[in-house]
Amino acid sequence: MANTFKNKGLASIGTSFTTAYTCPSSTTSTIIGLTIANISSSSSITVGVRVYDSSAGAYYTIVNYAPILVGGSLVVVGGDQKIVLEASDTIQIYSSSNGNADAFISYLEQT
């Protein structure tokens, strides 16, 4: 079983849910960090994060309408909290203000 640490950025998140990460087939992934930053210079935003569990065929909300002040960020996953994804599960993110949020995800893929 191979363990590989990886990361991925998502720039200018829109106002509808956008898939930030999809767990590949024959893989289990552990999300070890997920930070969303407000890149607007003039207004606060709210963000949401949800997980799609492909085996259940359902979405589960992690945060919804979470506020991020100008110049601030929100650590959705980090420290003691982790999220485990199975093959075809996804993490999706939205922002209340089109293009004013960036996200960065750190994860471990086990194949």
N, C-alpha and C. Protein backbone atom coordinates (compact mmCIF):
# COMPACT_ATOMS: atom_id res chain seq x y z
N MET A 1 0.85 -1.17 0.00
CA MET A 1 0.00 0.00 0.00
C MET A 1 0.90 1.23 0.00
N ALA A 2 0.72 2.09 -1.00
CA ALA A 2 1.51 3.32 -1.11
C ALA A 2 0.79 4.48 -0.44
N ASN A 3 1.54 5.28 0.30
CA ASN A 3 1.02 6.49 0.94
C ASN A 3 1.70 7.69 0.31
N THR A 4 0.92 8.62 -0.22
CA THR A 4 1.47 9.79 -0.89
C THR A 4 0.79 11.05 -0.38
N PHE A 5 1.60 11.98 0.17
CA PHE A 5 1.07 13.27 0.58
C PHE A 5 0.97 14.16 -0.66
N LYS A 6 -0.15 14.86 -0.77
CA LYS A 6 -0.39 15.74 -1.92
C LYS A 6 -1.10 17.01 -1.45
N ASN A 7 -1.18 17.99 -2.36
CA ASN A 7 -1.95 19.20 -2.08
C ASN A 7 -2.56 19.71 -3.37
N LYS A 8 -3.54 20.58 -3.22
CA LYS A 8 -4.23 21.13 -4.39
C LYS A 8 -4.81 22.48 -4.02
N GLY A 9 -4.67 23.45 -4.91
CA GLY A 9 -5.28 24.76 -4.71
C GLY A 9 -6.47 24.94 -5.63
N LEU A 10 -7.38 25.77 -5.18
CA LEU A 10 -8.56 26.11 -5.97
C LEU A 10 -8.72 27.62 -5.90
N ALA A 11 -8.57 28.30 -7.03
CA ALA A 11 -8.61 29.76 -7.06
C ALA A 11 -9.96 30.28 -7.51
N SER A 12 -10.32 31.45 -7.00
CA SER A 12 -11.51 32.19 -7.45
C SER A 12 -12.78 31.33 -7.42
N ILE A 13 -13.09 30.83 -6.26
CA ILE A 13 -14.26 29.96 -6.08
C ILE A 13 -15.54 30.73 -6.39
N GLY A 14 -16.47 30.07 -7.05
CA GLY A 14 -17.72 30.70 -7.45
C GLY A 14 -18.84 30.56 -6.44
N THR A 15 -20.02 31.00 -6.85
CA THR A 15 -21.17 31.04 -5.96
C THR A 15 -22.01 29.76 -5.97
N SER A 16 -21.61 28.79 -6.75
CA SER A 16 -22.25 27.48 -6.68
C SER A 16 -21.18 26.46 -6.28
N PHE A 17 -21.62 25.34 -5.73
CA PHE A 17 -20.65 24.35 -5.27
C PHE A 17 -19.74 23.91 -6.42
N THR A 18 -18.45 23.93 -6.16
CA THR A 18 -17.42 23.51 -7.10
C THR A 18 -16.64 22.37 -6.48
N THR A 19 -16.40 21.32 -7.24
CA THR A 19 -15.63 20.20 -6.71
C THR A 19 -14.16 20.60 -6.60
N ALA A 20 -13.66 20.55 -5.37
CA ALA A 20 -12.28 20.90 -5.10
C ALA A 20 -11.37 19.68 -5.14
N TYR A 21 -11.92 18.50 -4.82
CA TYR A 21 -11.12 17.28 -4.82
C TYR A 21 -12.05 16.08 -4.97
N THR A 22 -11.61 15.12 -5.79
CA THR A 22 -12.30 13.85 -5.95
C THR A 22 -11.33 12.73 -5.62
N CYS A 23 -11.71 11.85 -4.75
CA CYS A 23 -10.87 10.72 -4.38
C CYS A 23 -10.81 9.74 -5.56
N PRO A 24 -9.60 9.41 -6.03
CA PRO A 24 -9.47 8.51 -7.19
C PRO A 24 -9.96 7.09 -6.88
N SER A 25 -10.20 6.32 -7.94
CA SER A 25 -10.62 4.92 -7.77
C SER A 25 -9.49 4.12 -7.11
N SER A 26 -9.87 3.08 -6.40
CA SER A 26 -8.94 2.20 -5.68
C SER A 26 -8.06 2.97 -4.70
N THR A 27 -8.60 4.05 -4.13
CA THR A 27 -7.83 4.92 -3.23
C THR A 27 -8.70 5.32 -2.04
N THR A 28 -8.06 5.48 -0.91
CA THR A 28 -8.66 6.11 0.26
C THR A 28 -7.84 7.35 0.55
N SER A 29 -8.50 8.47 0.76
CA SER A 29 -7.79 9.73 1.02
C SER A 29 -8.17 10.28 2.38
N THR A 30 -7.20 10.84 3.06
CA THR A 30 -7.44 11.53 4.32
C THR A 30 -7.14 13.01 4.10
N ILE A 31 -8.17 13.84 4.25
CA ILE A 31 -7.98 15.28 4.14
C ILE A 31 -7.39 15.73 5.48
N ILE A 32 -6.18 16.29 5.43
CA ILE A 32 -5.50 16.69 6.66
C ILE A 32 -5.48 18.20 6.84
N GLY A 33 -5.85 18.92 5.79
CA GLY A 33 -5.94 20.37 5.90
C GLY A 33 -6.81 20.95 4.80
N LEU A 34 -7.65 21.90 5.16
CA LEU A 34 -8.48 22.62 4.19
C LEU A 34 -8.67 24.03 4.72
N THR A 35 -8.08 24.99 4.02
CA THR A 35 -8.17 26.40 4.41
C THR A 35 -8.78 27.18 3.26
N ILE A 36 -9.71 28.07 3.60
CA ILE A 36 -10.33 28.95 2.60
C ILE A 36 -10.02 30.38 2.99
N ALA A 37 -9.54 31.17 2.03
CA ALA A 37 -9.18 32.56 2.28
C ALA A 37 -10.11 33.51 1.55
N ASN A 38 -10.43 34.63 2.20
CA ASN A 38 -11.18 35.71 1.57
C ASN A 38 -10.15 36.59 0.86
N ILE A 39 -10.21 36.64 -0.48
CA ILE A 39 -9.24 37.44 -1.23
C ILE A 39 -9.81 38.79 -1.67
N SER A 40 -11.02 39.10 -1.21
CA SER A 40 -11.62 40.40 -1.49
C SER A 40 -10.91 41.48 -0.68
N SER A 41 -10.76 42.64 -1.26
CA SER A 41 -10.13 43.75 -0.54
C SER A 41 -11.16 44.66 0.12
N SER A 42 -12.47 44.33 -0.05
CA SER A 42 -13.46 45.27 0.45
C SER A 42 -14.66 44.68 1.18
N SER A 43 -14.89 43.37 1.11
CA SER A 43 -16.09 42.85 1.76
C SER A 43 -15.89 41.46 2.35
N SER A 44 -16.65 41.21 3.40
CA SER A 44 -16.67 39.88 4.00
C SER A 44 -17.44 38.93 3.10
N ILE A 45 -17.16 37.65 3.24
CA ILE A 45 -17.87 36.63 2.46
C ILE A 45 -18.34 35.53 3.41
N THR A 46 -19.21 34.67 2.90
CA THR A 46 -19.53 33.43 3.59
C THR A 46 -19.19 32.29 2.65
N VAL A 47 -18.86 31.15 3.23
CA VAL A 47 -18.48 29.99 2.42
C VAL A 47 -19.18 28.74 2.96
N GLY A 48 -19.22 27.74 2.11
CA GLY A 48 -19.76 26.45 2.51
C GLY A 48 -18.89 25.34 1.98
N VAL A 49 -18.85 24.25 2.72
CA VAL A 49 -18.10 23.07 2.32
C VAL A 49 -18.99 21.86 2.58
N ARG A 50 -19.05 20.96 1.60
CA ARG A 50 -19.79 19.73 1.79
C ARG A 50 -19.01 18.56 1.20
N VAL A 51 -19.33 17.37 1.68
CA VAL A 51 -18.72 16.14 1.19
C VAL A 51 -19.81 15.33 0.49
N TYR A 52 -19.47 14.80 -0.68
CA TYR A 52 -20.37 13.86 -1.35
C TYR A 52 -19.87 12.46 -1.04
N ASP A 53 -20.68 11.67 -0.37
CA ASP A 53 -20.37 10.28 -0.05
C ASP A 53 -20.97 9.42 -1.16
N SER A 54 -20.12 8.95 -2.06
CA SER A 54 -20.61 8.22 -3.24
C SER A 54 -21.28 6.90 -2.87
N SER A 55 -20.83 6.24 -1.79
CA SER A 55 -21.45 4.97 -1.42
C SER A 55 -22.86 5.17 -0.87
N ALA A 56 -23.12 6.32 -0.26
CA ALA A 56 -24.46 6.63 0.26
C ALA A 56 -25.29 7.42 -0.75
N GLY A 57 -24.62 7.99 -1.76
CA GLY A 57 -25.32 8.82 -2.73
C GLY A 57 -25.89 10.08 -2.10
N ALA A 58 -25.16 10.64 -1.11
CA ALA A 58 -25.68 11.79 -0.37
C ALA A 58 -24.59 12.82 -0.09
N TYR A 59 -25.03 14.07 0.06
CA TYR A 59 -24.15 15.18 0.44
C TYR A 59 -24.27 15.42 1.94
N TYR A 60 -23.14 15.76 2.57
CA TYR A 60 -23.11 16.08 4.00
C TYR A 60 -22.39 17.41 4.19
N THR A 61 -23.05 18.32 4.87
CA THR A 61 -22.50 19.66 5.08
C THR A 61 -21.44 19.64 6.17
N ILE A 62 -20.31 20.27 5.89
CA ILE A 62 -19.25 20.42 6.88
C ILE A 62 -19.36 21.81 7.52
N VAL A 63 -19.46 22.85 6.70
CA VAL A 63 -19.77 24.21 7.17
C VAL A 63 -20.72 24.84 6.16
N ASN A 64 -21.58 25.75 6.65
CA ASN A 64 -22.55 26.41 5.78
C ASN A 64 -22.68 27.86 6.22
N TYR A 65 -22.56 28.78 5.29
CA TYR A 65 -22.63 30.22 5.57
C TYR A 65 -21.61 30.64 6.64
N ALA A 66 -20.44 30.05 6.61
CA ALA A 66 -19.38 30.41 7.56
C ALA A 66 -18.75 31.73 7.12
N PRO A 67 -18.72 32.73 8.00
CA PRO A 67 -18.20 34.04 7.61
C PRO A 67 -16.67 34.08 7.59
N ILE A 68 -16.14 34.81 6.61
CA ILE A 68 -14.70 35.10 6.56
C ILE A 68 -14.55 36.59 6.31
N LEU A 69 -13.92 37.29 7.23
CA LEU A 69 -13.72 38.74 7.13
C LEU A 69 -12.69 39.06 6.05
N VAL A 70 -12.67 40.31 5.63
CA VAL A 70 -11.69 40.79 4.65
C VAL A 70 -10.29 40.46 5.15
N GLY A 71 -9.48 39.83 4.29
CA GLY A 71 -8.11 39.49 4.65
C GLY A 71 -7.99 38.28 5.55
N GLY A 72 -9.10 37.63 5.87
CA GLY A 72 -9.08 36.50 6.79
C GLY A 72 -9.16 35.16 6.08
N SER A 73 -9.09 34.12 6.89
CA SER A 73 -9.22 32.77 6.37
C SER A 73 -9.96 31.90 7.37
N LEU A 74 -10.43 30.78 6.90
CA LEU A 74 -11.14 29.81 7.72
C LEU A 74 -10.46 28.46 7.55
N VAL A 75 -10.03 27.87 8.66
CA VAL A 75 -9.47 26.53 8.63
C VAL A 75 -10.62 25.55 8.87
N VAL A 76 -11.05 24.91 7.82
CA VAL A 76 -12.18 24.01 7.89
C VAL A 76 -11.74 22.64 8.42
N VAL A 77 -10.59 22.18 7.96
CA VAL A 77 -10.02 20.92 8.42
C VAL A 77 -8.58 21.18 8.81
N GLY A 78 -8.19 20.70 9.99
CA GLY A 78 -6.82 20.85 10.46
C GLY A 78 -6.75 20.47 11.92
N GLY A 79 -5.54 20.45 12.45
CA GLY A 79 -5.38 20.07 13.85
C GLY A 79 -5.83 18.64 14.06
N ASP A 80 -6.73 18.44 15.01
CA ASP A 80 -7.20 17.09 15.33
C ASP A 80 -8.24 16.56 14.36
N GLN A 81 -8.88 17.45 13.60
CA GLN A 81 -9.95 17.00 12.71
C GLN A 81 -9.39 16.56 11.36
N LYS A 82 -9.88 15.45 10.87
CA LYS A 82 -9.55 14.93 9.55
C LYS A 82 -10.85 14.46 8.90
N ILE A 83 -10.83 14.33 7.58
CA ILE A 83 -11.96 13.77 6.85
C ILE A 83 -11.43 12.65 5.97
N VAL A 84 -12.03 11.47 6.07
CA VAL A 84 -11.63 10.33 5.26
C VAL A 84 -12.60 10.20 4.09
N LEU A 85 -12.03 10.08 2.89
CA LEU A 85 -12.82 9.91 1.68
C LEU A 85 -12.50 8.57 1.05
N GLU A 86 -13.53 7.94 0.52
CA GLU A 86 -13.36 6.71 -0.24
C GLU A 86 -13.43 7.04 -1.73
N ALA A 87 -13.11 6.06 -2.55
CA ALA A 87 -13.11 6.26 -4.00
C ALA A 87 -14.40 6.93 -4.48
N SER A 88 -14.26 7.95 -5.31
CA SER A 88 -15.35 8.73 -5.92
C SER A 88 -16.02 9.72 -4.99
N ASP A 89 -15.65 9.77 -3.71
CA ASP A 89 -16.17 10.81 -2.82
C ASP A 89 -15.55 12.15 -3.22
N THR A 90 -16.26 13.25 -2.96
CA THR A 90 -15.75 14.57 -3.33
C THR A 90 -15.89 15.56 -2.18
N ILE A 91 -15.07 16.61 -2.26
CA ILE A 91 -15.22 17.78 -1.38
C ILE A 91 -15.60 18.93 -2.30
N GLN A 92 -16.66 19.65 -1.94
CA GLN A 92 -17.14 20.77 -2.74
C GLN A 92 -17.20 22.04 -1.90
N ILE A 93 -16.93 23.18 -2.54
CA ILE A 93 -16.85 24.47 -1.85
C ILE A 93 -17.62 25.52 -2.64
N TYR A 94 -18.26 26.46 -1.92
CA TYR A 94 -18.86 27.63 -2.58
C TYR A 94 -18.54 28.88 -1.78
N SER A 95 -18.69 30.02 -2.42
CA SER A 95 -18.50 31.32 -1.78
C SER A 95 -19.71 32.20 -2.09
N SER A 96 -20.04 33.10 -1.17
CA SER A 96 -21.17 34.00 -1.39
C SER A 96 -20.85 35.09 -2.41
N SER A 97 -19.57 35.28 -2.68
CA SER A 97 -19.15 36.34 -3.60
C SER A 97 -18.27 35.72 -4.68
N ASN A 98 -18.74 35.76 -5.91
CA ASN A 98 -18.06 35.10 -7.02
C ASN A 98 -16.61 35.55 -7.16
N GLY A 99 -15.69 34.60 -7.11
CA GLY A 99 -14.27 34.88 -7.34
C GLY A 99 -13.52 35.46 -6.17
N ASN A 100 -14.12 35.55 -5.00
CA ASN A 100 -13.46 36.19 -3.87
C ASN A 100 -12.98 35.22 -2.79
N ALA A 101 -12.82 33.95 -3.15
CA ALA A 101 -12.29 32.98 -2.20
C ALA A 101 -11.33 32.04 -2.92
N ASP A 102 -10.24 31.71 -2.25
CA ASP A 102 -9.31 30.69 -2.69
C ASP A 102 -9.27 29.61 -1.61
N ALA A 103 -9.00 28.37 -2.01
CA ALA A 103 -8.90 27.27 -1.05
C ALA A 103 -7.63 26.47 -1.31
N PHE A 104 -7.13 25.86 -0.25
CA PHE A 104 -5.97 24.98 -0.36
C PHE A 104 -6.22 23.74 0.47
N ILE A 105 -6.00 22.59 -0.16
CA ILE A 105 -6.28 21.30 0.48
C ILE A 105 -4.98 20.49 0.56
N SER A 106 -4.73 19.90 1.72
CA SER A 106 -3.62 18.97 1.90
C SER A 106 -4.23 17.62 2.24
N TYR A 107 -3.70 16.57 1.61
CA TYR A 107 -4.30 15.25 1.81
C TYR A 107 -3.28 14.13 1.64
N LEU A 108 -3.65 12.96 2.16
CA LEU A 108 -2.85 11.75 2.04
C LEU A 108 -3.64 10.74 1.25
N GLU A 109 -3.08 10.28 0.14
CA GLU A 109 -3.74 9.24 -0.65
C GLU A 109 -3.08 7.89 -0.37
N GLN A 110 -3.93 6.90 -0.09
CA GLN A 110 -3.47 5.54 0.15
C GLN A 110 -4.00 4.64 -0.96
N THR A 111 -3.08 4.02 -1.69
CA THR A 111 -3.48 3.17 -2.82
C THR A 111 -3.00 1.75 -2.60
